[in-house]
Amino acid sequence: MLTIKVLGPGCSNCQRVEGHTLAALEAVAEDMPDLEATVMHVTERDKIMAYPIMATPGLVINEKLVSGGRIPSVDEIKGWIREAVA
C-alpha cells in the first residue's frame, strides 16, 4: 500500500502535481493491477514543514520527499512509484 501526499496550500500548481500523480498511478496500475495507493493533499503549514521542503508544491511517497518546489512530470512520478513498490 502506497501513501502519497501532495504538499501545498491548494494552489493550481499543487492541483497539477495531484493530477500528474493520479495519471502516473493509473499508468503504473496497468502493469501492477494489485497496486493500492492512497493520495492525500496536505495543506496545513505545520504538517508541510514536517518534511525537509523549501518550497511547495511537494510530493511525498511513503513518507519520503521525492519532489519539492516544482511540478514533476508524469514519467518522473511513475518512476518514483515503481521505486517505492520495488
PDB file of N, CA and C in Angstrom:
ATOM      1  N   MET A   1       0.854  -1.182   0.000  1.00  0.00           N
ATOM      2  CA  MET A   1       0.000   0.000   0.000  1.00  0.00           C
ATOM      3  C   MET A   1       0.894   1.237   0.000  1.00  0.00           C
ATOM      4  N   LEU A   2       0.699   2.066  -0.999  1.00  0.00           N
ATOM      5  CA  LEU A   2       1.434   3.323  -1.094  1.00  0.00           C
ATOM      6  C   LEU A   2       0.647   4.428  -0.417  1.00  0.00           C
ATOM      7  N   THR A   3       1.378   5.308   0.240  1.00  0.00           N
ATOM      8  CA  THR A   3       0.787   6.530   0.771  1.00  0.00           C
ATOM      9  C   THR A   3       1.472   7.683   0.059  1.00  0.00           C
ATOM     10  N   ILE A   4       0.683   8.458  -0.648  1.00  0.00           N
ATOM     11  CA  ILE A   4       1.222   9.583  -1.419  1.00  0.00           C
ATOM     12  C   ILE A   4       0.581  10.858  -0.902  1.00  0.00           C
ATOM     13  N   LYS A   5       1.437  11.857  -0.643  1.00  0.00           N
ATOM     14  CA  LYS A   5       0.946  13.139  -0.145  1.00  0.00           C
ATOM     15  C   LYS A   5       1.407  14.258  -1.070  1.00  0.00           C
ATOM     16  N   VAL A   6       0.469  15.106  -1.442  1.00  0.00           N
ATOM     17  CA  VAL A   6       0.778  16.326  -2.165  1.00  0.00           C
ATOM     18  C   VAL A   6       0.822  17.434  -1.117  1.00  0.00           C
ATOM     19  N   LEU A   7       1.958  18.115  -1.022  1.00  0.00           N
ATOM     20  CA  LEU A   7       2.122  19.162  -0.032  1.00  0.00           C
ATOM     21  C   LEU A   7       1.920  20.524  -0.675  1.00  0.00           C
ATOM     22  N   GLY A   8       1.054  21.335  -0.092  1.00  0.00           N
ATOM     23  CA  GLY A   8       0.848  22.686  -0.601  1.00  0.00           C
ATOM     24  C   GLY A   8      -0.494  23.235  -0.182  1.00  0.00           C
ATOM     25  N   PRO A   9      -0.653  24.550  -0.352  1.00  0.00           N
ATOM     26  CA  PRO A   9      -1.863  25.215   0.128  1.00  0.00           C
ATOM     27  C   PRO A   9      -3.114  24.985  -0.715  1.00  0.00           C
ATOM     28  N   GLY A  10      -2.976  24.274  -1.821  1.00  0.00           N
ATOM     29  CA  GLY A  10      -4.141  24.034  -2.678  1.00  0.00           C
ATOM     30  C   GLY A  10      -4.133  24.899  -3.920  1.00  0.00           C
ATOM     31  N   CYS A  11      -2.978  25.476  -4.243  1.00  0.00           N
ATOM     32  CA  CYS A  11      -2.851  26.342  -5.415  1.00  0.00           C
ATOM     33  C   CYS A  11      -2.940  25.521  -6.709  1.00  0.00           C
ATOM     34  N   SER A  12      -2.933  26.195  -7.836  1.00  0.00           N
ATOM     35  CA  SER A  12      -3.059  25.494  -9.119  1.00  0.00           C
ATOM     36  C   SER A  12      -1.870  24.570  -9.361  1.00  0.00           C
ATOM     37  N   ASN A  13      -0.671  24.948  -8.925  1.00  0.00           N
ATOM     38  CA  ASN A  13       0.483  24.072  -9.095  1.00  0.00           C
ATOM     39  C   ASN A  13       0.325  22.795  -8.277  1.00  0.00           C
ATOM     40  N   CYS A  14      -0.216  22.917  -7.073  1.00  0.00           N
ATOM     41  CA  CYS A  14      -0.461  21.742  -6.226  1.00  0.00           C
ATOM     42  C   CYS A  14      -1.485  20.827  -6.898  1.00  0.00           C
ATOM     43  N   GLN A  15      -2.479  21.412  -7.488  1.00  0.00           N
ATOM     44  CA  GLN A  15      -3.504  20.627  -8.182  1.00  0.00           C
ATOM     45  C   GLN A  15      -2.920  19.923  -9.405  1.00  0.00           C
ATOM     46  N   ARG A  16      -1.971  20.572 -10.075  1.00  0.00           N
ATOM     47  CA  ARG A  16      -1.310  19.940 -11.224  1.00  0.00           C
ATOM     48  C   ARG A  16      -0.479  18.744 -10.771  1.00  0.00           C
ATOM     49  N   VAL A  17       0.235  18.897  -9.641  1.00  0.00           N
ATOM     50  CA  VAL A  17       1.019  17.782  -9.112  1.00  0.00           C
ATOM     51  C   VAL A  17       0.086  16.617  -8.769  1.00  0.00           C
ATOM     52  N   GLU A  18      -1.040  16.930  -8.165  1.00  0.00           N
ATOM     53  CA  GLU A  18      -2.001  15.881  -7.830  1.00  0.00           C
ATOM     54  C   GLU A  18      -2.524  15.201  -9.097  1.00  0.00           C
ATOM     55  N   GLY A  19      -2.820  15.980 -10.120  1.00  0.00           N
ATOM     56  CA  GLY A  19      -3.291  15.413 -11.388  1.00  0.00           C
ATOM     57  C   GLY A  19      -2.244  14.523 -12.038  1.00  0.00           C
ATOM     58  N   HIS A  20      -0.987  14.972 -12.032  1.00  0.00           N
ATOM     59  CA  HIS A  20       0.099  14.162 -12.592  1.00  0.00           C
ATOM     60  C   HIS A  20       0.264  12.865 -11.795  1.00  0.00           C
ATOM     61  N   THR A  21       0.107  12.970 -10.477  1.00  0.00           N
ATOM     62  CA  THR A  21       0.238  11.799  -9.616  1.00  0.00           C
ATOM     63  C   THR A  21      -0.853  10.778  -9.920  1.00  0.00           C
ATOM     64  N   LEU A  22      -2.081  11.242 -10.070  1.00  0.00           N
ATOM     65  CA  LEU A  22      -3.183  10.332 -10.387  1.00  0.00           C
ATOM     66  C   LEU A  22      -2.991   9.684 -11.753  1.00  0.00           C
ATOM     67  N   ALA A  23      -2.495  10.457 -12.718  1.00  0.00           N
ATOM     68  CA  ALA A  23      -2.225   9.906 -14.055  1.00  0.00           C
ATOM     69  C   ALA A  23      -1.110   8.865 -13.984  1.00  0.00           C
ATOM     70  N   ALA A  24      -0.075   9.132 -13.189  1.00  0.00           N
ATOM     71  CA  ALA A  24       1.029   8.183 -13.030  1.00  0.00           C
ATOM     72  C   ALA A  24       0.539   6.893 -12.375  1.00  0.00           C
ATOM     73  N   LEU A  25      -0.287   7.030 -11.357  1.00  0.00           N
ATOM     74  CA  LEU A  25      -0.836   5.845 -10.687  1.00  0.00           C
ATOM     75  C   LEU A  25      -1.653   5.000 -11.652  1.00  0.00           C
ATOM     76  N   GLU A  26      -2.437   5.655 -12.465  1.00  0.00           N
ATOM     77  CA  GLU A  26      -3.269   4.955 -13.444  1.00  0.00           C
ATOM     78  C   GLU A  26      -2.394   4.184 -14.438  1.00  0.00           C
ATOM     79  N   ALA A  27      -1.312   4.817 -14.883  1.00  0.00           N
ATOM     80  CA  ALA A  27      -0.413   4.171 -15.840  1.00  0.00           C
ATOM     81  C   ALA A  27       0.319   2.991 -15.208  1.00  0.00           C
ATOM     82  N   VAL A  28       0.792   3.159 -13.987  1.00  0.00           N
ATOM     83  CA  VAL A  28       1.515   2.089 -13.302  1.00  0.00           C
ATOM     84  C   VAL A  28       0.570   0.933 -12.984  1.00  0.00           C
ATOM     85  N   ALA A  29      -0.668   1.235 -12.688  1.00  0.00           N
ATOM     86  CA  ALA A  29      -1.654   0.201 -12.342  1.00  0.00           C
ATOM     87  C   ALA A  29      -1.924  -0.740 -13.514  1.00  0.00           C
ATOM     88  N   GLU A  30      -1.658  -0.286 -14.735  1.00  0.00           N
ATOM     89  CA  GLU A  30      -1.821  -1.171 -15.893  1.00  0.00           C
ATOM     90  C   GLU A  30      -0.848  -2.343 -15.812  1.00  0.00           C
ATOM     91  N   ASP A  31       0.377  -2.077 -15.311  1.00  0.00           N
ATOM     92  CA  ASP A  31       1.396  -3.123 -15.155  1.00  0.00           C
ATOM     93  C   ASP A  31       1.276  -3.841 -13.817  1.00  0.00           C
ATOM     94  N   MET A  32       0.729  -3.156 -12.826  1.00  0.00           N
ATOM     95  CA  MET A  32       0.610  -3.702 -11.473  1.00  0.00           C
ATOM     96  C   MET A  32      -0.836  -3.576 -11.009  1.00  0.00           C
ATOM     97  N   PRO A  33      -1.713  -4.455 -11.455  1.00  0.00           N
ATOM     98  CA  PRO A  33      -3.140  -4.313 -11.140  1.00  0.00           C
ATOM     99  C   PRO A  33      -3.473  -4.420  -9.649  1.00  0.00           C
ATOM    100  N   ASP A  34      -2.581  -5.021  -8.855  1.00  0.00           N
ATOM    101  CA  ASP A  34      -2.838  -5.152  -7.426  1.00  0.00           C
ATOM    102  C   ASP A  34      -2.345  -3.950  -6.622  1.00  0.00           C
ATOM    103  N   LEU A  35      -1.800  -2.956  -7.294  1.00  0.00           N
ATOM    104  CA  LEU A  35      -1.268  -1.773  -6.616  1.00  0.00           C
ATOM    105  C   LEU A  35      -2.388  -1.018  -5.898  1.00  0.00           C
ATOM    106  N   GLU A  36      -2.173  -0.764  -4.621  1.00  0.00           N
ATOM    107  CA  GLU A  36      -3.118   0.033  -3.838  1.00  0.00           C
ATOM    108  C   GLU A  36      -2.404   1.290  -3.385  1.00  0.00           C
ATOM    109  N   ALA A  37      -3.076   2.414  -3.499  1.00  0.00           N
ATOM    110  CA  ALA A  37      -2.466   3.687  -3.102  1.00  0.00           C
ATOM    111  C   ALA A  37      -3.520   4.626  -2.551  1.00  0.00           C
ATOM    112  N   THR A  38      -3.076   5.433  -1.614  1.00  0.00           N
ATOM    113  CA  THR A  38      -3.899   6.492  -1.064  1.00  0.00           C
ATOM    114  C   THR A  38      -3.208   7.806  -1.394  1.00  0.00           C
ATOM    115  N   VAL A  39      -3.956   8.738  -1.983  1.00  0.00           N
ATOM    116  CA  VAL A  39      -3.411  10.056  -2.300  1.00  0.00           C
ATOM    117  C   VAL A  39      -4.129  11.072  -1.429  1.00  0.00           C
ATOM    118  N   MET A  40      -3.353  11.864  -0.697  1.00  0.00           N
ATOM    119  CA  MET A  40      -3.947  12.919   0.131  1.00  0.00           C
ATOM    120  C   MET A  40      -3.260  14.244  -0.138  1.00  0.00           C
ATOM    121  N   HIS A  41      -3.991  15.291   0.127  1.00  0.00           N
ATOM    122  CA  HIS A  41      -3.465  16.641  -0.043  1.00  0.00           C
ATOM    123  C   HIS A  41      -3.263  17.235   1.349  1.00  0.00           C
ATOM    124  N   VAL A  42      -2.021  17.585   1.668  1.00  0.00           N
ATOM    125  CA  VAL A  42      -1.676  18.164   2.968  1.00  0.00           C
ATOM    126  C   VAL A  42      -1.564  19.677   2.784  1.00  0.00           C
ATOM    127  N   THR A  43      -2.455  20.406   3.435  1.00  0.00           N
ATOM    128  CA  THR A  43      -2.482  21.857   3.272  1.00  0.00           C
ATOM    129  C   THR A  43      -2.049  22.625   4.523  1.00  0.00           C
ATOM    130  N   GLU A  44      -1.989  21.944   5.655  1.00  0.00           N
ATOM    131  CA  GLU A  44      -1.636  22.632   6.905  1.00  0.00           C
ATOM    132  C   GLU A  44      -0.138  22.906   6.939  1.00  0.00           C
ATOM    133  N   ARG A  45       0.218  24.156   7.167  1.00  0.00           N
ATOM    134  CA  ARG A  45       1.615  24.593   7.114  1.00  0.00           C
ATOM    135  C   ARG A  45       2.511  23.783   8.050  1.00  0.00           C
ATOM    136  N   ASP A  46       2.076  23.542   9.281  1.00  0.00           N
ATOM    137  CA  ASP A  46       2.916  22.811  10.229  1.00  0.00           C
ATOM    138  C   ASP A  46       3.163  21.375   9.774  1.00  0.00           C
ATOM    139  N   LYS A  47       2.179  20.763   9.131  1.00  0.00           N
ATOM    140  CA  LYS A  47       2.362  19.399   8.630  1.00  0.00           C
ATOM    141  C   LYS A  47       3.268  19.379   7.397  1.00  0.00           C
ATOM    142  N   ILE A  48       3.178  20.413   6.572  1.00  0.00           N
ATOM    143  CA  ILE A  48       4.061  20.522   5.406  1.00  0.00           C
ATOM    144  C   ILE A  48       5.504  20.697   5.874  1.00  0.00           C
ATOM    145  N   MET A  49       5.697  21.536   6.888  1.00  0.00           N
ATOM    146  CA  MET A  49       7.043  21.830   7.375  1.00  0.00           C
ATOM    147  C   MET A  49       7.671  20.662   8.134  1.00  0.00           C
ATOM    148  N   ALA A  50       6.922  19.606   8.369  1.00  0.00           N
ATOM    149  CA  ALA A  50       7.482  18.404   8.992  1.00  0.00           C
ATOM    150  C   ALA A  50       8.412  17.671   8.022  1.00  0.00           C
ATOM    151  N   TYR A  51       8.352  18.031   6.738  1.00  0.00           N
ATOM    152  CA  TYR A  51       9.205  17.444   5.717  1.00  0.00           C
ATOM    153  C   TYR A  51      10.298  18.448   5.353  1.00  0.00           C
ATOM    154  N   PRO A  52      11.444  17.965   4.859  1.00  0.00           N
ATOM    155  CA  PRO A  52      12.535  18.882   4.502  1.00  0.00           C
ATOM    156  C   PRO A  52      12.274  19.582   3.161  1.00  0.00           C
ATOM    157  N   ILE A  53      11.278  20.431   3.142  1.00  0.00           N
ATOM    158  CA  ILE A  53      10.858  21.083   1.898  1.00  0.00           C
ATOM    159  C   ILE A  53      11.069  22.597   2.024  1.00  0.00           C
ATOM    160  N   MET A  54      11.609  23.180   0.968  1.00  0.00           N
ATOM    161  CA  MET A  54      11.870  24.623   0.962  1.00  0.00           C
ATOM    162  C   MET A  54      10.745  25.392   0.264  1.00  0.00           C
ATOM    163  N   ALA A  55      10.076  24.736  -0.681  1.00  0.00           N
ATOM    164  CA  ALA A  55       9.005  25.407  -1.423  1.00  0.00           C
ATOM    165  C   ALA A  55       7.987  24.361  -1.866  1.00  0.00           C
ATOM    166  N   THR A  56       6.736  24.793  -1.952  1.00  0.00           N
ATOM    167  CA  THR A  56       5.686  23.912  -2.449  1.00  0.00           C
ATOM    168  C   THR A  56       5.513  24.169  -3.942  1.00  0.00           C
ATOM    169  N   PRO A  57       4.911  23.278  -4.674  1.00  0.00           N
ATOM    170  CA  PRO A  57       4.309  22.037  -4.221  1.00  0.00           C
ATOM    171  C   PRO A  57       5.363  20.977  -3.917  1.00  0.00           C
ATOM    172  N   GLY A  58       4.957  20.041  -3.072  1.00  0.00           N
ATOM    173  CA  GLY A  58       5.836  18.934  -2.728  1.00  0.00           C
ATOM    174  C   GLY A  58       5.119  17.619  -2.957  1.00  0.00           C
ATOM    175  N   LEU A  59       5.907  16.576  -3.101  1.00  0.00           N
ATOM    176  CA  LEU A  59       5.339  15.244  -3.286  1.00  0.00           C
ATOM    177  C   LEU A  59       6.090  14.274  -2.387  1.00  0.00           C
ATOM    178  N   VAL A  60       5.323  13.542  -1.576  1.00  0.00           N
ATOM    179  CA  VAL A  60       5.881  12.582  -0.636  1.00  0.00           C
ATOM    180  C   VAL A  60       5.293  11.216  -0.975  1.00  0.00           C
ATOM    181  N   ILE A  61       6.175  10.219  -1.109  1.00  0.00           N
ATOM    182  CA  ILE A  61       5.726   8.852  -1.359  1.00  0.00           C
ATOM    183  C   ILE A  61       6.275   7.977  -0.239  1.00  0.00           C
ATOM    184  N   ASN A  62       5.356   7.356   0.494  1.00  0.00           N
ATOM    185  CA  ASN A  62       5.720   6.525   1.644  1.00  0.00           C
ATOM    186  C   ASN A  62       6.660   7.273   2.593  1.00  0.00           C
ATOM    187  N   GLU A  63       6.289   8.491   2.902  1.00  0.00           N
ATOM    188  CA  GLU A  63       6.991   9.351   3.852  1.00  0.00           C
ATOM    189  C   GLU A  63       8.371   9.807   3.386  1.00  0.00           C
ATOM    190  N   LYS A  64       8.675   9.643   2.105  1.00  0.00           N
ATOM    191  CA  LYS A  64       9.934  10.137   1.546  1.00  0.00           C
ATOM    192  C   LYS A  64       9.619  11.291   0.605  1.00  0.00           C
ATOM    193  N   LEU A  65      10.204  12.461   0.875  1.00  0.00           N
ATOM    194  CA  LEU A  65      10.026  13.605  -0.008  1.00  0.00           C
ATOM    195  C   LEU A  65      10.778  13.329  -1.305  1.00  0.00           C
ATOM    196  N   VAL A  66      10.046  13.276  -2.414  1.00  0.00           N
ATOM    197  CA  VAL A  66      10.672  12.985  -3.708  1.00  0.00           C
ATOM    198  C   VAL A  66      10.757  14.217  -4.595  1.00  0.00           C
ATOM    199  N   SER A  67       9.977  15.248  -4.280  1.00  0.00           N
ATOM    200  CA  SER A  67       9.998  16.459  -5.095  1.00  0.00           C
ATOM    201  C   SER A  67       9.535  17.645  -4.263  1.00  0.00           C
ATOM    202  N   GLY A  68      10.136  18.787  -4.509  1.00  0.00           N
ATOM    203  CA  GLY A  68       9.715  20.000  -3.821  1.00  0.00           C
ATOM    204  C   GLY A  68       9.985  21.227  -4.672  1.00  0.00           C
ATOM    205  N   GLY A  69       9.044  22.144  -4.694  1.00  0.00           N
ATOM    206  CA  GLY A  69       9.227  23.411  -5.384  1.00  0.00           C
ATOM    207  C   GLY A  69       9.089  23.370  -6.889  1.00  0.00           C
ATOM    208  N   ARG A  70       8.566  22.286  -7.410  1.00  0.00           N
ATOM    209  CA  ARG A  70       8.385  22.188  -8.865  1.00  0.00           C
ATOM    210  C   ARG A  70       7.278  21.184  -9.169  1.00  0.00           C
ATOM    211  N   ILE A  71       6.920  21.111 -10.453  1.00  0.00           N
ATOM    212  CA  ILE A  71       5.879  20.183 -10.888  1.00  0.00           C
ATOM    213  C   ILE A  71       6.565  19.050 -11.651  1.00  0.00           C
ATOM    214  N   PRO A  72       6.688  17.877 -11.018  1.00  0.00           N
ATOM    215  CA  PRO A  72       7.336  16.758 -11.708  1.00  0.00           C
ATOM    216  C   PRO A  72       6.448  16.210 -12.820  1.00  0.00           C
ATOM    217  N   SER A  73       7.089  15.621 -13.808  1.00  0.00           N
ATOM    218  CA  SER A  73       6.339  15.036 -14.923  1.00  0.00           C
ATOM    219  C   SER A  73       5.681  13.729 -14.486  1.00  0.00           C
ATOM    220  N   VAL A  74       4.728  13.302 -15.276  1.00  0.00           N
ATOM    221  CA  VAL A  74       4.049  12.027 -15.012  1.00  0.00           C
ATOM    222  C   VAL A  74       5.075  10.892 -15.045  1.00  0.00           C
ATOM    223  N   ASP A  75       5.997  10.940 -15.986  1.00  0.00           N
ATOM    224  CA  ASP A  75       7.010   9.885 -16.100  1.00  0.00           C
ATOM    225  C   ASP A  75       7.918   9.843 -14.867  1.00  0.00           C
ATOM    226  N   GLU A  76       8.304  11.007 -14.348  1.00  0.00           N
ATOM    227  CA  GLU A  76       9.112  11.039 -13.124  1.00  0.00           C
ATOM    228  C   GLU A  76       8.362  10.374 -11.972  1.00  0.00           C
ATOM    229  N   ILE A  77       7.101  10.728 -11.836  1.00  0.00           N
ATOM    230  CA  ILE A  77       6.292  10.193 -10.740  1.00  0.00           C
ATOM    231  C   ILE A  77       6.114   8.685 -10.906  1.00  0.00           C
ATOM    232  N   LYS A  78       5.923   8.233 -12.136  1.00  0.00           N
ATOM    233  CA  LYS A  78       5.813   6.786 -12.386  1.00  0.00           C
ATOM    234  C   LYS A  78       7.074   6.081 -11.895  1.00  0.00           C
ATOM    235  N   GLY A  79       8.234   6.647 -12.161  1.00  0.00           N
ATOM    236  CA  GLY A  79       9.490   6.064 -11.702  1.00  0.00           C
ATOM    237  C   GLY A  79       9.572   5.998 -10.197  1.00  0.00           C
ATOM    238  N   TRP A  80       9.161   7.067  -9.525  1.00  0.00           N
ATOM    239  CA  TRP A  80       9.187   7.092  -8.053  1.00  0.00           C
ATOM    240  C   TRP A  80       8.225   6.063  -7.471  1.00  0.00           C
ATOM    241  N   ILE A  81       7.065   5.911  -8.099  1.00  0.00           N
ATOM    242  CA  ILE A  81       6.087   4.929  -7.621  1.00  0.00           C
ATOM    243  C   ILE A  81       6.657   3.516  -7.780  1.00  0.00           C
ATOM    244  N   ARG A  82       7.228   3.241  -8.936  1.00  0.00           N
ATOM    245  CA  ARG A  82       7.816   1.915  -9.172  1.00  0.00           C
ATOM    246  C   ARG A  82       8.946   1.640  -8.178  1.00  0.00           C
ATOM    247  N   GLU A  83       9.748   2.648  -7.919  1.00  0.00           N
ATOM    248  CA  GLU A  83      10.844   2.515  -6.950  1.00  0.00           C
ATOM    249  C   GLU A  83      10.305   2.228  -5.549  1.00  0.00           C
ATOM    250  N   ALA A  84       9.217   2.881  -5.196  1.00  0.00           N
ATOM    251  CA  ALA A  84       8.638   2.723  -3.856  1.00  0.00           C
ATOM    252  C   ALA A  84       8.035   1.344  -3.632  1.00  0.00           C
ATOM    253  N   VAL A  85       7.562   0.704  -4.699  1.00  0.00           N
ATOM    254  CA  VAL A  85       6.939  -0.613  -4.545  1.00  0.00           C
ATOM    255  C   VAL A  85       7.915  -1.764  -4.817  1.00  0.00           C
ATOM    256  N   ALA A  86       9.111  -1.420  -5.266  1.00  0.00           N
ATOM    257  CA  ALA A  86      10.115  -2.473  -5.579  1.00  0.00           C
ATOM    258  C   ALA A  86      10.637  -3.120  -4.311  1.00  0.00           C
TER     259      ALA A  86
END
